[in-house]
C-alpha cells in the first residue's frame, strides 16, 4: 500500500517573532520535498518574504480572515499592529477562526504550530494526523 506524501501544516502565533522562524522552517521542509501549508492572515502573508519560485509547487499559503472582536482594531492582524493591552483581543479572534480553519483540513497528515495548544490536539485522532508543537526558541 502506497503511503501518502507528507504534508505539514504550519500555524504560527500571529507575531513576527513566531511567523518568521516558522516561515524559515517551512522553506526548509519544502526544500526537502515536503508539502507545506502555512496558515496566516492575508496582511501577514503579504509581509512575509516571497517564496522562491522553485519551492512554489510545495509551499502553499492558506489565508484566513480574523473575525471581529470588541477591542481589536480594524486591520490588526499581528502583535506588531497592537499595543500590549490589545494583544489579548488578537488571541481571542485568532482562536475563534483558526480552530475552524485547521479542523476543516482533514487531509493533512502533520500539523505544527504555536497557537491554541489546548484546542487542537484532541482533533488529531479524528483527523488521523499528527500534532507537534514547537517553541520559536527552537528555531533561533
Protein backbone atom coordinates (compact mmCIF):
# COMPACT_ATOMS: atom_id res chain seq x y z
CA UNK A 1 0.00 0.00 0.00
CA UNK A 2 1.45 3.36 -1.04
CA UNK A 3 1.85 5.98 1.65
CA UNK A 4 0.51 9.48 1.17
CA UNK A 5 3.24 12.08 0.75
CA UNK A 6 3.92 14.05 3.90
CA UNK A 7 2.02 17.33 4.12
CA UNK A 8 2.84 19.63 7.03
CA UNK A 9 0.52 22.42 8.16
CA UNK A 10 2.26 25.32 9.90
CA UNK A 11 0.10 27.57 12.07
CA UNK A 12 2.21 30.12 13.96
CA UNK A 13 1.06 32.64 16.53
CA UNK A 14 0.35 36.00 14.89
CA UNK A 15 3.61 37.64 15.94
CA UNK A 16 6.55 38.05 13.59
CA UNK A 17 8.87 36.58 16.22
CA UNK A 18 6.92 33.35 15.63
CA UNK A 19 5.97 33.70 11.96
CA UNK A 20 9.49 34.34 10.61
CA UNK A 21 11.12 31.25 12.22
CA UNK A 22 8.18 29.08 11.13
CA UNK A 23 8.42 30.56 7.62
CA UNK A 24 12.10 29.52 7.52
CA UNK A 25 11.18 26.05 8.82
CA UNK A 26 8.51 25.81 6.11
CA UNK A 27 11.04 26.76 3.43
CA UNK A 28 13.48 24.13 4.70
CA UNK A 29 10.77 21.47 4.66
CA UNK A 30 9.79 22.41 1.10
CA UNK A 31 13.45 22.24 0.03
CA UNK A 32 13.46 18.68 1.42
CA UNK A 33 10.49 17.80 -0.81
CA UNK A 34 7.77 18.03 1.85
CA UNK A 35 4.49 19.79 1.03
CA UNK A 36 3.82 22.70 3.40
CA UNK A 37 0.71 24.77 4.06
CA UNK A 38 1.48 27.94 6.03
CA UNK A 39 -1.67 29.39 7.59
CA UNK A 40 -1.93 33.09 8.41
CA UNK A 41 -3.90 36.23 7.65
CA UNK A 42 -3.69 37.98 4.25
CA UNK A 43 -1.80 41.01 5.57
CA UNK A 44 0.72 38.88 7.46
CA UNK A 45 1.33 36.73 4.38
CA UNK A 46 1.99 39.88 2.35
CA UNK A 47 4.57 40.98 4.93
CA UNK A 48 6.50 37.67 4.82
CA UNK A 49 9.38 37.10 2.39
CA UNK A 50 8.47 35.77 -1.06
CA UNK A 51 8.61 32.05 -1.65
CA UNK A 52 11.45 31.11 -4.02
CA UNK A 53 9.99 30.06 -7.39
CA UNK A 54 11.44 26.55 -7.16
CA UNK A 55 9.54 25.96 -3.88
CA UNK A 56 6.13 27.21 -5.05
CA UNK A 57 4.82 23.74 -6.01
CA UNK A 58 5.40 22.52 -2.44
CA UNK A 59 4.76 25.70 -0.41
CA UNK A 60 1.19 26.91 -0.09
CA UNK A 61 -0.05 29.94 1.82
CA UNK A 62 -3.52 29.45 3.30
CA UNK A 63 -5.25 32.71 4.17
CA UNK A 64 -7.89 33.22 6.82
CA UNK A 65 -9.60 36.40 7.94
CA UNK A 66 -9.82 37.23 11.62
CA UNK A 67 -13.35 37.68 12.93
CA UNK A 68 -14.26 40.99 14.53
CA UNK A 69 -13.74 41.09 18.26
CA UNK A 70 -14.57 44.04 20.50
CA UNK A 71 -11.30 45.78 21.32
CA UNK A 72 -9.36 44.52 18.27
CA UNK A 73 -8.63 47.46 15.93
CA UNK A 74 -9.75 47.06 12.31
CA UNK A 75 -6.85 45.86 10.18
CA UNK A 76 -4.82 44.50 13.11
CA UNK A 77 -3.52 41.04 12.16
CA UNK A 78 -0.31 40.70 14.19
CA UNK A 79 1.06 41.81 17.53
CA UNK A 80 3.11 44.49 15.74
CA UNK A 81 -0.21 46.20 14.90
CA UNK A 82 -1.29 46.38 18.56
CA UNK A 83 -0.43 47.81 21.93
CA UNK A 84 0.46 45.33 24.66
CA UNK A 85 -3.02 45.74 26.19
CA UNK A 86 -4.73 44.92 22.87
CA UNK A 87 -2.86 41.63 22.30
CA UNK A 88 -5.48 39.71 24.30
CA UNK A 89 -8.09 40.56 21.65
CA UNK A 90 -5.88 39.11 18.90
CA UNK A 91 -5.68 35.87 20.88
CA UNK A 92 -9.47 35.66 21.15
CA UNK A 93 -10.03 36.45 17.48
CA UNK A 94 -7.38 34.05 16.16
CA UNK A 95 -8.55 31.18 18.33
CA UNK A 96 -12.13 31.52 17.12
CA UNK A 97 -11.19 31.45 13.44
CA UNK A 98 -8.08 29.25 13.30
CA UNK A 99 -9.61 26.34 15.12
CA UNK A 100 -12.27 26.07 12.40
CA UNK A 101 -9.70 26.60 9.61
CA UNK A 102 -7.47 23.73 10.71
CA UNK A 103 -10.31 21.37 11.57
CA UNK A 104 -11.59 21.71 8.02
CA UNK A 105 -8.31 20.38 6.59
CA UNK A 106 -8.68 16.72 7.45
CA UNK A 107 -6.35 15.54 4.67
CA UNK A 108 -3.22 16.99 6.30
CA UNK A 109 -1.05 14.36 7.95
CA UNK A 110 1.02 16.57 10.24
CA UNK A 111 0.21 19.88 11.84
CA UNK A 112 2.62 22.11 13.65
CA UNK A 113 2.26 25.45 15.25
CA UNK A 114 2.42 27.73 18.22
CA UNK A 115 -1.28 28.58 18.62
CA UNK A 116 -4.02 27.31 20.90
CA UNK A 117 -2.25 24.25 22.26
CA UNK A 118 -5.28 23.10 24.24
CA UNK A 119 -7.76 23.13 21.37
CA UNK A 120 -6.12 21.20 18.54
CA UNK A 121 -4.54 18.00 19.90
CA UNK A 122 -7.92 16.39 20.64
CA UNK A 123 -8.85 16.67 16.94
CA UNK A 124 -5.89 14.70 15.66
CA UNK A 125 -7.16 11.21 16.39
CA UNK A 126 -10.34 12.04 14.47
CA UNK A 127 -8.33 13.54 11.60
CA UNK A 128 -5.78 10.69 11.63
CA UNK A 129 -2.98 13.22 11.67
CA UNK A 130 -0.07 14.01 13.96
CA UNK A 131 0.28 17.14 16.03
CA UNK A 132 3.59 18.66 17.11
CA UNK A 133 4.09 21.86 18.99
CA UNK A 134 7.37 23.73 18.79
CA UNK A 135 8.51 26.84 20.55
CA UNK A 136 10.01 29.56 18.38
CA UNK A 137 13.10 29.33 20.63
CA UNK A 138 13.96 26.01 18.98
CA UNK A 139 14.50 27.79 15.66
CA UNK A 140 16.69 30.63 16.82
